[in-house]
Amino acid sequence: MPLKKRGDGRSVLVVAARLEFEEFGFEGTNSNAIARRAGYAPQTFYRHFQDKLAIFLAVYEDWSRQEILALEMARSVDQIADTLIAHHRTHRVFRQSLRTLTVTDPDMGGARARVRQTQVGALSAQSSVFAAMEDSQRITTLFIVERICDAIVDGEYAALAIDPSQSRQCLIDFLASFNLLAD
C-alpha cells in the first residue's frame, strides 16, 4: 500500500526509505524502490533527495530522534535497557548498513559523529555522573552501550551460550553505574 500523502513528499519518502532499508539494507535497495513504496514515480525522489545516501542520512537523523524521545520516556534503568534493545532490534538491518557506511563513507561518518554528540548531550542532561566524565569517557561509554545492544540483537551472546536475560542484565548493570535517573 503506498504511503503517499499530498504535499508531504519528503517525509513520506523518508518513511518509505526506512521501510526499504529495514527490509533490504542500504545495498539492497535503490531510489526507484523507495519512490514506488512511497507511491510516487521514481523521478519524484530526486526532487527531494540528491541520492540514496542523502535519504539514508535523513532516515538516520529521524531514527536517532526517535531513540532519544523513547529514552526520555524511560523511568528506570531496566526501561532504558529495554528501550535501547527494542530500538536496536526494530532497526537491526538499518543499523548493520549504518555501521558499514560509517566506515566506508566520509559523509556518513561525519553525520554519525554529529548524531553521537547529540546522544552524548542527551545522556549528559540525564546524568550528572555521565556529564562529569571527560569527553573521551562519554564517547567510549556510548560505544560500549551501542556494541552491547548490537551484540544482544545480533545474537552474539546467544552464540556464546549466554542467556538473553543475562546479557540484558549486564547492560542494565552497566547503565546503572551512571545513575542515569538519579538527578
N, C-alpha and C. Protein backbone atom coordinates (compact mmCIF):
# COMPACT_ATOMS: atom_id res chain seq x y z
N MET A 1 0.85 -1.18 0.00
CA MET A 1 0.00 0.00 0.00
C MET A 1 0.89 1.24 0.00
N PRO A 2 0.67 2.19 -0.91
CA PRO A 2 1.50 3.38 -0.98
C PRO A 2 1.31 4.27 0.25
N LEU A 3 2.36 4.99 0.59
CA LEU A 3 2.35 5.86 1.76
C LEU A 3 2.04 7.30 1.40
N LYS A 4 1.89 7.58 0.12
CA LYS A 4 1.79 8.94 -0.41
C LYS A 4 0.67 9.75 0.23
N LYS A 5 1.05 10.97 0.60
CA LYS A 5 0.09 11.95 1.09
C LYS A 5 0.38 13.25 0.36
N ARG A 6 -0.63 13.91 -0.11
CA ARG A 6 -0.45 15.13 -0.90
C ARG A 6 0.30 16.20 -0.10
N GLY A 7 1.34 16.77 -0.73
CA GLY A 7 2.08 17.86 -0.12
C GLY A 7 3.08 17.45 0.95
N ASP A 8 3.26 16.16 1.13
CA ASP A 8 4.15 15.69 2.19
C ASP A 8 5.21 14.76 1.63
N GLY A 9 5.69 15.06 0.42
CA GLY A 9 6.58 14.16 -0.30
C GLY A 9 7.84 13.76 0.43
N ARG A 10 8.55 14.72 0.98
CA ARG A 10 9.83 14.42 1.63
C ARG A 10 9.63 13.46 2.80
N SER A 11 8.71 13.75 3.68
CA SER A 11 8.53 12.90 4.87
C SER A 11 8.00 11.52 4.48
N VAL A 12 7.17 11.45 3.46
CA VAL A 12 6.66 10.15 3.00
C VAL A 12 7.80 9.33 2.40
N LEU A 13 8.67 9.98 1.67
CA LEU A 13 9.82 9.28 1.11
C LEU A 13 10.75 8.77 2.22
N VAL A 14 10.91 9.54 3.28
CA VAL A 14 11.76 9.10 4.40
C VAL A 14 11.17 7.86 5.06
N VAL A 15 9.86 7.85 5.26
CA VAL A 15 9.21 6.67 5.84
C VAL A 15 9.39 5.46 4.92
N ALA A 16 9.17 5.66 3.64
CA ALA A 16 9.33 4.56 2.68
C ALA A 16 10.77 4.07 2.66
N ALA A 17 11.72 5.00 2.72
CA ALA A 17 13.13 4.62 2.72
C ALA A 17 13.48 3.82 3.97
N ARG A 18 12.95 4.24 5.11
CA ARG A 18 13.22 3.49 6.34
C ARG A 18 12.73 2.06 6.19
N LEU A 19 11.54 1.87 5.66
CA LEU A 19 10.99 0.53 5.45
C LEU A 19 11.85 -0.28 4.47
N GLU A 20 12.29 0.36 3.39
CA GLU A 20 13.15 -0.33 2.42
C GLU A 20 14.49 -0.71 3.06
N PHE A 21 15.09 0.23 3.78
CA PHE A 21 16.39 -0.06 4.40
C PHE A 21 16.26 -1.12 5.49
N GLU A 22 15.15 -1.13 6.19
CA GLU A 22 14.92 -2.16 7.21
C GLU A 22 14.77 -3.54 6.59
N GLU A 23 14.17 -3.57 5.43
CA GLU A 23 13.92 -4.86 4.78
C GLU A 23 15.10 -5.35 3.95
N PHE A 24 15.74 -4.44 3.22
CA PHE A 24 16.74 -4.84 2.25
C PHE A 24 18.15 -4.30 2.52
N GLY A 25 18.31 -3.43 3.51
CA GLY A 25 19.60 -2.81 3.76
C GLY A 25 19.90 -1.75 2.73
N PHE A 26 20.97 -1.01 2.96
CA PHE A 26 21.36 0.08 2.05
C PHE A 26 21.70 -0.46 0.67
N GLU A 27 22.51 -1.48 0.62
CA GLU A 27 22.96 -2.02 -0.68
C GLU A 27 21.84 -2.71 -1.43
N GLY A 28 20.84 -3.20 -0.73
CA GLY A 28 19.78 -3.97 -1.36
C GLY A 28 18.59 -3.18 -1.84
N THR A 29 18.66 -1.87 -1.76
CA THR A 29 17.54 -1.07 -2.24
C THR A 29 18.06 0.04 -3.15
N ASN A 30 17.13 0.73 -3.80
CA ASN A 30 17.50 1.84 -4.68
C ASN A 30 16.43 2.92 -4.62
N SER A 31 16.74 4.05 -5.19
CA SER A 31 15.83 5.20 -5.12
C SER A 31 14.50 4.92 -5.81
N ASN A 32 14.49 4.13 -6.87
CA ASN A 32 13.24 3.79 -7.55
C ASN A 32 12.32 2.99 -6.63
N ALA A 33 12.88 2.03 -5.91
CA ALA A 33 12.08 1.22 -4.99
C ALA A 33 11.52 2.09 -3.87
N ILE A 34 12.32 3.03 -3.39
CA ILE A 34 11.84 3.93 -2.33
C ILE A 34 10.68 4.77 -2.84
N ALA A 35 10.83 5.36 -4.03
CA ALA A 35 9.77 6.19 -4.60
C ALA A 35 8.50 5.38 -4.81
N ARG A 36 8.64 4.18 -5.35
CA ARG A 36 7.45 3.34 -5.59
C ARG A 36 6.77 2.98 -4.27
N ARG A 37 7.55 2.65 -3.26
CA ARG A 37 6.97 2.29 -1.97
C ARG A 37 6.22 3.48 -1.38
N ALA A 38 6.69 4.69 -1.64
CA ALA A 38 6.02 5.90 -1.15
C ALA A 38 4.80 6.26 -1.99
N GLY A 39 4.65 5.60 -3.14
CA GLY A 39 3.51 5.89 -4.00
C GLY A 39 3.80 6.96 -5.04
N TYR A 40 5.09 7.20 -5.30
CA TYR A 40 5.50 8.22 -6.27
C TYR A 40 6.20 7.57 -7.46
N ALA A 41 6.25 8.34 -8.54
CA ALA A 41 7.06 7.94 -9.69
C ALA A 41 8.53 8.10 -9.29
N PRO A 42 9.40 7.28 -9.84
CA PRO A 42 10.82 7.33 -9.45
C PRO A 42 11.47 8.71 -9.54
N GLN A 43 11.12 9.52 -10.54
CA GLN A 43 11.76 10.83 -10.66
C GLN A 43 11.41 11.78 -9.52
N THR A 44 10.32 11.52 -8.82
CA THR A 44 9.93 12.36 -7.68
C THR A 44 10.98 12.31 -6.57
N PHE A 45 11.63 11.18 -6.44
CA PHE A 45 12.67 11.02 -5.42
C PHE A 45 13.68 12.16 -5.51
N TYR A 46 14.12 12.48 -6.73
CA TYR A 46 15.19 13.45 -6.92
C TYR A 46 14.75 14.90 -6.75
N ARG A 47 13.48 15.14 -6.58
CA ARG A 47 13.01 16.48 -6.22
C ARG A 47 13.31 16.77 -4.74
N HIS A 48 13.47 15.71 -3.98
CA HIS A 48 13.65 15.86 -2.53
C HIS A 48 15.03 15.44 -2.04
N PHE A 49 15.68 14.53 -2.74
CA PHE A 49 16.97 14.00 -2.29
C PHE A 49 17.93 13.87 -3.46
N GLN A 50 19.20 14.16 -3.18
CA GLN A 50 20.22 14.08 -4.22
C GLN A 50 20.49 12.64 -4.64
N ASP A 51 20.51 11.74 -3.63
CA ASP A 51 20.83 10.35 -3.92
C ASP A 51 20.39 9.47 -2.75
N LYS A 52 20.68 8.19 -2.86
CA LYS A 52 20.27 7.22 -1.83
C LYS A 52 20.94 7.52 -0.49
N LEU A 53 22.19 7.95 -0.51
CA LEU A 53 22.88 8.28 0.74
C LEU A 53 22.21 9.46 1.44
N ALA A 54 21.77 10.44 0.69
CA ALA A 54 21.10 11.60 1.30
C ALA A 54 19.84 11.19 2.04
N ILE A 55 19.07 10.29 1.48
CA ILE A 55 17.86 9.85 2.17
C ILE A 55 18.21 8.92 3.34
N PHE A 56 19.27 8.15 3.20
CA PHE A 56 19.72 7.31 4.31
C PHE A 56 20.09 8.19 5.50
N LEU A 57 20.78 9.31 5.23
CA LEU A 57 21.12 10.25 6.30
C LEU A 57 19.87 10.83 6.96
N ALA A 58 18.86 11.14 6.15
CA ALA A 58 17.60 11.66 6.70
C ALA A 58 16.92 10.61 7.57
N VAL A 59 16.94 9.35 7.13
CA VAL A 59 16.37 8.26 7.94
C VAL A 59 17.15 8.13 9.24
N TYR A 60 18.46 8.22 9.16
CA TYR A 60 19.30 8.10 10.36
C TYR A 60 19.01 9.21 11.37
N GLU A 61 18.88 10.43 10.89
CA GLU A 61 18.56 11.55 11.79
C GLU A 61 17.21 11.33 12.47
N ASP A 62 16.23 10.86 11.70
CA ASP A 62 14.92 10.56 12.26
C ASP A 62 15.01 9.41 13.27
N TRP A 63 15.77 8.39 12.93
CA TRP A 63 15.98 7.24 13.81
C TRP A 63 16.55 7.69 15.15
N SER A 64 17.57 8.55 15.10
CA SER A 64 18.21 8.98 16.35
C SER A 64 17.26 9.85 17.18
N ARG A 65 16.46 10.70 16.55
CA ARG A 65 15.46 11.49 17.29
C ARG A 65 14.45 10.58 17.98
N GLN A 66 14.01 9.56 17.28
CA GLN A 66 13.06 8.61 17.87
C GLN A 66 13.67 7.90 19.07
N GLU A 67 14.94 7.53 18.96
CA GLU A 67 15.60 6.85 20.07
C GLU A 67 15.70 7.77 21.29
N ILE A 68 16.10 9.01 21.08
CA ILE A 68 16.21 9.95 22.20
C ILE A 68 14.86 10.18 22.85
N LEU A 69 13.82 10.36 22.05
CA LEU A 69 12.47 10.55 22.61
C LEU A 69 12.02 9.33 23.40
N ALA A 70 12.29 8.15 22.89
CA ALA A 70 11.91 6.92 23.60
C ALA A 70 12.67 6.81 24.92
N LEU A 71 13.93 7.17 24.92
CA LEU A 71 14.73 7.10 26.15
C LEU A 71 14.26 8.12 27.19
N GLU A 72 13.78 9.26 26.74
CA GLU A 72 13.27 10.28 27.67
C GLU A 72 12.03 9.79 28.41
N MET A 73 11.33 8.82 27.84
CA MET A 73 10.12 8.28 28.47
C MET A 73 10.45 7.20 29.52
N ALA A 74 11.67 6.68 29.48
CA ALA A 74 12.06 5.60 30.40
C ALA A 74 12.13 6.14 31.83
N ARG A 75 11.60 5.36 32.76
CA ARG A 75 11.55 5.78 34.17
C ARG A 75 12.41 4.91 35.08
N SER A 76 13.11 3.94 34.49
CA SER A 76 14.00 3.08 35.27
C SER A 76 15.14 2.65 34.36
N VAL A 77 16.22 2.18 34.98
CA VAL A 77 17.35 1.69 34.19
C VAL A 77 16.91 0.47 33.38
N ASP A 78 16.05 -0.36 33.93
CA ASP A 78 15.52 -1.51 33.18
C ASP A 78 14.80 -1.03 31.92
N GLN A 79 14.00 0.02 32.06
CA GLN A 79 13.28 0.56 30.90
C GLN A 79 14.24 1.17 29.88
N ILE A 80 15.30 1.80 30.35
CA ILE A 80 16.30 2.34 29.43
C ILE A 80 16.92 1.19 28.62
N ALA A 81 17.34 0.14 29.32
CA ALA A 81 17.94 -1.02 28.63
C ALA A 81 16.96 -1.63 27.65
N ASP A 82 15.72 -1.84 28.08
CA ASP A 82 14.73 -2.45 27.20
C ASP A 82 14.42 -1.57 26.00
N THR A 83 14.40 -0.25 26.20
CA THR A 83 14.16 0.69 25.10
C THR A 83 15.29 0.61 24.09
N LEU A 84 16.52 0.60 24.58
CA LEU A 84 17.67 0.51 23.68
C LEU A 84 17.68 -0.80 22.90
N ILE A 85 17.45 -1.89 23.60
CA ILE A 85 17.44 -3.20 22.93
C ILE A 85 16.32 -3.25 21.90
N ALA A 86 15.14 -2.80 22.26
CA ALA A 86 14.00 -2.82 21.33
C ALA A 86 14.28 -1.95 20.11
N HIS A 87 14.87 -0.78 20.33
CA HIS A 87 15.16 0.12 19.22
C HIS A 87 16.20 -0.51 18.29
N HIS A 88 17.21 -1.12 18.87
CA HIS A 88 18.21 -1.78 18.05
C HIS A 88 17.61 -2.99 17.32
N ARG A 89 16.73 -3.73 17.98
CA ARG A 89 16.10 -4.89 17.34
C ARG A 89 15.21 -4.46 16.18
N THR A 90 14.41 -3.45 16.40
CA THR A 90 13.49 -2.97 15.37
C THR A 90 14.25 -2.49 14.13
N HIS A 91 15.40 -1.90 14.36
CA HIS A 91 16.17 -1.30 13.28
C HIS A 91 17.47 -2.06 12.99
N ARG A 92 17.43 -3.35 13.21
CA ARG A 92 18.63 -4.19 13.10
C ARG A 92 19.30 -4.11 11.74
N VAL A 93 18.55 -4.30 10.66
CA VAL A 93 19.12 -4.29 9.32
C VAL A 93 19.62 -2.88 8.98
N PHE A 94 18.85 -1.87 9.36
CA PHE A 94 19.28 -0.49 9.15
C PHE A 94 20.60 -0.23 9.86
N ARG A 95 20.71 -0.68 11.10
CA ARG A 95 21.94 -0.46 11.88
C ARG A 95 23.14 -1.18 11.26
N GLN A 96 22.90 -2.34 10.68
CA GLN A 96 24.00 -3.04 10.01
C GLN A 96 24.52 -2.20 8.84
N SER A 97 23.61 -1.63 8.07
CA SER A 97 24.02 -0.74 6.97
C SER A 97 24.71 0.50 7.53
N LEU A 98 24.19 1.03 8.61
CA LEU A 98 24.76 2.22 9.24
C LEU A 98 26.21 1.97 9.65
N ARG A 99 26.47 0.83 10.26
CA ARG A 99 27.83 0.52 10.70
C ARG A 99 28.78 0.43 9.50
N THR A 100 28.33 -0.20 8.44
CA THR A 100 29.18 -0.33 7.24
C THR A 100 29.43 1.04 6.61
N LEU A 101 28.38 1.83 6.44
CA LEU A 101 28.54 3.14 5.80
C LEU A 101 29.38 4.09 6.64
N THR A 102 29.33 3.95 7.95
CA THR A 102 30.14 4.81 8.82
C THR A 102 31.62 4.63 8.51
N VAL A 103 32.00 3.42 8.19
CA VAL A 103 33.40 3.12 7.91
C VAL A 103 33.77 3.47 6.46
N THR A 104 32.84 3.28 5.54
CA THR A 104 33.18 3.40 4.12
C THR A 104 32.86 4.75 3.49
N ASP A 105 32.02 5.55 4.13
CA ASP A 105 31.62 6.82 3.52
C ASP A 105 31.90 7.99 4.47
N PRO A 106 32.74 8.94 4.08
CA PRO A 106 33.08 10.05 4.96
C PRO A 106 31.88 10.91 5.37
N ASP A 107 30.91 11.10 4.46
CA ASP A 107 29.73 11.89 4.81
C ASP A 107 28.92 11.19 5.91
N MET A 108 28.79 9.88 5.79
CA MET A 108 28.07 9.13 6.81
C MET A 108 28.84 9.16 8.12
N GLY A 109 30.15 9.02 8.05
CA GLY A 109 30.96 9.08 9.26
C GLY A 109 30.79 10.41 9.98
N GLY A 110 30.77 11.50 9.23
CA GLY A 110 30.56 12.83 9.83
C GLY A 110 29.18 12.98 10.42
N ALA A 111 28.17 12.49 9.70
CA ALA A 111 26.80 12.57 10.21
C ALA A 111 26.64 11.75 11.48
N ARG A 112 27.25 10.58 11.50
CA ARG A 112 27.15 9.74 12.68
C ARG A 112 27.85 10.39 13.87
N ALA A 113 28.96 11.05 13.63
CA ALA A 113 29.66 11.75 14.71
C ALA A 113 28.76 12.86 15.29
N ARG A 114 28.06 13.60 14.42
CA ARG A 114 27.15 14.66 14.89
C ARG A 114 26.00 14.08 15.72
N VAL A 115 25.44 12.98 15.24
CA VAL A 115 24.34 12.36 15.98
C VAL A 115 24.83 11.84 17.33
N ARG A 116 26.00 11.26 17.35
CA ARG A 116 26.54 10.76 18.62
C ARG A 116 26.78 11.90 19.60
N GLN A 117 27.20 13.06 19.12
CA GLN A 117 27.36 14.21 20.01
C GLN A 117 26.00 14.60 20.61
N THR A 118 24.96 14.54 19.81
CA THR A 118 23.61 14.81 20.31
C THR A 118 23.20 13.78 21.36
N GLN A 119 23.51 12.51 21.11
CA GLN A 119 23.20 11.46 22.08
C GLN A 119 23.96 11.68 23.39
N VAL A 120 25.22 12.05 23.29
CA VAL A 120 26.01 12.32 24.49
C VAL A 120 25.41 13.49 25.26
N GLY A 121 24.97 14.50 24.55
CA GLY A 121 24.32 15.64 25.21
C GLY A 121 23.05 15.23 25.94
N ALA A 122 22.26 14.38 25.31
CA ALA A 122 21.02 13.91 25.95
C ALA A 122 21.33 13.08 27.19
N LEU A 123 22.33 12.21 27.10
CA LEU A 123 22.71 11.41 28.27
C LEU A 123 23.29 12.28 29.38
N SER A 124 24.06 13.28 29.00
CA SER A 124 24.64 14.20 29.99
C SER A 124 23.55 14.97 30.73
N ALA A 125 22.48 15.30 30.03
CA ALA A 125 21.37 16.01 30.66
C ALA A 125 20.63 15.12 31.65
N GLN A 126 20.70 13.80 31.45
CA GLN A 126 20.02 12.86 32.33
C GLN A 126 20.85 12.43 33.52
N SER A 127 22.16 12.56 33.44
CA SER A 127 23.03 12.01 34.47
C SER A 127 24.19 12.93 34.79
N SER A 128 24.27 13.38 36.03
CA SER A 128 25.40 14.22 36.43
C SER A 128 26.69 13.40 36.43
N VAL A 129 26.60 12.10 36.69
CA VAL A 129 27.78 11.23 36.65
C VAL A 129 28.32 11.18 35.23
N PHE A 130 27.44 10.97 34.28
CA PHE A 130 27.84 10.92 32.88
C PHE A 130 28.37 12.28 32.43
N ALA A 131 27.70 13.36 32.83
CA ALA A 131 28.10 14.70 32.44
C ALA A 131 29.48 15.06 33.00
N ALA A 132 29.83 14.52 34.15
CA ALA A 132 31.11 14.84 34.79
C ALA A 132 32.29 14.13 34.14
N MET A 133 32.02 13.15 33.31
CA MET A 133 33.11 12.41 32.65
C MET A 133 33.80 13.30 31.62
N GLU A 134 35.03 12.93 31.29
CA GLU A 134 35.73 13.57 30.18
C GLU A 134 35.05 13.14 28.88
N ASP A 135 35.24 13.94 27.83
CA ASP A 135 34.62 13.63 26.53
C ASP A 135 34.96 12.22 26.07
N SER A 136 36.22 11.83 26.17
CA SER A 136 36.63 10.52 25.69
C SER A 136 35.91 9.40 26.46
N GLN A 137 35.67 9.61 27.75
CA GLN A 137 34.97 8.60 28.55
C GLN A 137 33.50 8.51 28.14
N ARG A 138 32.87 9.67 27.89
CA ARG A 138 31.45 9.66 27.48
C ARG A 138 31.29 8.96 26.14
N ILE A 139 32.17 9.26 25.19
CA ILE A 139 32.08 8.63 23.87
C ILE A 139 32.34 7.13 23.97
N THR A 140 33.34 6.75 24.75
CA THR A 140 33.64 5.33 24.93
C THR A 140 32.46 4.61 25.54
N THR A 141 31.82 5.23 26.50
CA THR A 141 30.63 4.64 27.14
C THR A 141 29.52 4.46 26.11
N LEU A 142 29.31 5.47 25.27
CA LEU A 142 28.30 5.36 24.22
C LEU A 142 28.62 4.20 23.28
N PHE A 143 29.89 4.06 22.89
CA PHE A 143 30.30 2.95 22.04
C PHE A 143 30.03 1.60 22.70
N ILE A 144 30.32 1.51 23.98
CA ILE A 144 30.10 0.25 24.70
C ILE A 144 28.62 -0.10 24.72
N VAL A 145 27.77 0.87 25.02
CA VAL A 145 26.33 0.62 25.07
C VAL A 145 25.83 0.19 23.69
N GLU A 146 26.24 0.91 22.64
CA GLU A 146 25.85 0.53 21.28
C GLU A 146 26.26 -0.90 20.97
N ARG A 147 27.50 -1.22 21.30
CA ARG A 147 28.04 -2.55 20.97
C ARG A 147 27.33 -3.65 21.73
N ILE A 148 27.03 -3.42 23.00
CA ILE A 148 26.31 -4.42 23.79
C ILE A 148 24.92 -4.65 23.18
N CYS A 149 24.22 -3.57 22.85
CA CYS A 149 22.88 -3.70 22.26
C CYS A 149 22.94 -4.44 20.92
N ASP A 150 23.90 -4.08 20.09
CA ASP A 150 24.04 -4.78 18.80
C ASP A 150 24.35 -6.26 19.02
N ALA A 151 25.22 -6.58 19.98
CA ALA A 151 25.57 -7.98 20.25
C ALA A 151 24.36 -8.77 20.73
N ILE A 152 23.53 -8.14 21.56
CA ILE A 152 22.31 -8.81 22.03
C ILE A 152 21.39 -9.09 20.85
N VAL A 153 21.12 -8.06 20.07
CA VAL A 153 20.17 -8.16 18.96
C VAL A 153 20.68 -9.07 17.84
N ASP A 154 21.97 -9.03 17.58
CA ASP A 154 22.53 -9.85 16.51
C ASP A 154 22.77 -11.29 16.93
N GLY A 155 22.48 -11.62 18.18
CA GLY A 155 22.59 -13.00 18.64
C GLY A 155 24.00 -13.43 19.02
N GLU A 156 24.89 -12.48 19.21
CA GLU A 156 26.27 -12.83 19.54
C GLU A 156 26.39 -13.43 20.94
N TYR A 157 25.62 -12.92 21.89
CA TYR A 157 25.63 -13.52 23.22
C TYR A 157 25.09 -14.95 23.15
N ALA A 158 23.97 -15.12 22.46
CA ALA A 158 23.36 -16.44 22.34
C ALA A 158 24.32 -17.43 21.68
N ALA A 159 25.07 -16.97 20.68
CA ALA A 159 26.04 -17.85 20.01
C ALA A 159 27.14 -18.32 20.97
N LEU A 160 27.35 -17.57 22.03
CA LEU A 160 28.34 -17.93 23.04
C LEU A 160 27.68 -18.57 24.27
N ALA A 161 26.43 -19.04 24.08
CA ALA A 161 25.67 -19.74 25.11
C ALA A 161 25.39 -18.87 26.34
N ILE A 162 25.24 -17.55 26.12
CA ILE A 162 24.86 -16.64 27.19
C ILE A 162 23.36 -16.40 27.06
N ASP A 163 22.64 -16.66 28.11
CA ASP A 163 21.19 -16.48 28.14
C ASP A 163 20.85 -15.01 27.87
N PRO A 164 19.82 -14.74 27.05
CA PRO A 164 19.44 -13.36 26.76
C PRO A 164 19.15 -12.51 28.02
N SER A 165 18.59 -13.13 29.04
CA SER A 165 18.31 -12.37 30.26
C SER A 165 19.61 -11.95 30.96
N GLN A 166 20.66 -12.78 30.83
CA GLN A 166 21.95 -12.41 31.41
C GLN A 166 22.60 -11.26 30.65
N SER A 167 22.52 -11.29 29.34
CA SER A 167 23.10 -10.20 28.56
C SER A 167 22.34 -8.90 28.82
N ARG A 168 21.03 -8.99 28.93
CA ARG A 168 20.22 -7.82 29.28
C ARG A 168 20.63 -7.29 30.65
N GLN A 169 20.83 -8.18 31.61
CA GLN A 169 21.21 -7.77 32.95
C GLN A 169 22.59 -7.10 32.96
N CYS A 170 23.50 -7.58 32.14
CA CYS A 170 24.82 -6.94 32.02
C CYS A 170 24.67 -5.49 31.54
N LEU A 171 23.79 -5.28 30.56
CA LEU A 171 23.53 -3.93 30.07
C LEU A 171 22.92 -3.07 31.18
N ILE A 172 21.96 -3.61 31.90
CA ILE A 172 21.33 -2.88 32.99
C ILE A 172 22.37 -2.49 34.05
N ASP A 173 23.20 -3.44 34.44
CA ASP A 173 24.23 -3.16 35.45
C ASP A 173 25.19 -2.07 34.97
N PHE A 174 25.58 -2.15 33.70
CA PHE A 174 26.48 -1.13 33.14
C PHE A 174 25.81 0.24 33.17
N LEU A 175 24.56 0.32 32.72
CA LEU A 175 23.84 1.59 32.71
C LEU A 175 23.61 2.13 34.13
N ALA A 176 23.33 1.22 35.07
CA ALA A 176 23.07 1.63 36.46
C ALA A 176 24.28 2.32 37.08
N SER A 177 25.45 1.98 36.61
CA SER A 177 26.65 2.59 37.18
C SER A 177 26.75 4.08 36.91
N PHE A 178 25.91 4.60 36.01
CA PHE A 178 25.93 6.02 35.67
C PHE A 178 24.82 6.82 36.35
N ASN A 179 24.04 6.18 37.19
CA ASN A 179 22.95 6.88 37.88
C ASN A 179 22.13 7.75 36.93
N LEU A 180 21.72 7.15 35.82
CA LEU A 180 21.05 7.92 34.78
C LEU A 180 19.77 8.59 35.24
N LEU A 181 19.12 8.04 36.21
CA LEU A 181 17.83 8.61 36.63
C LEU A 181 17.90 9.20 38.04
N ALA A 182 19.10 9.39 38.58
CA ALA A 182 19.25 9.86 39.95
C ALA A 182 18.97 11.35 40.10
N ASP A 183 19.15 12.14 39.04
CA ASP A 183 19.00 13.59 39.14
C ASP A 183 17.55 14.01 39.17
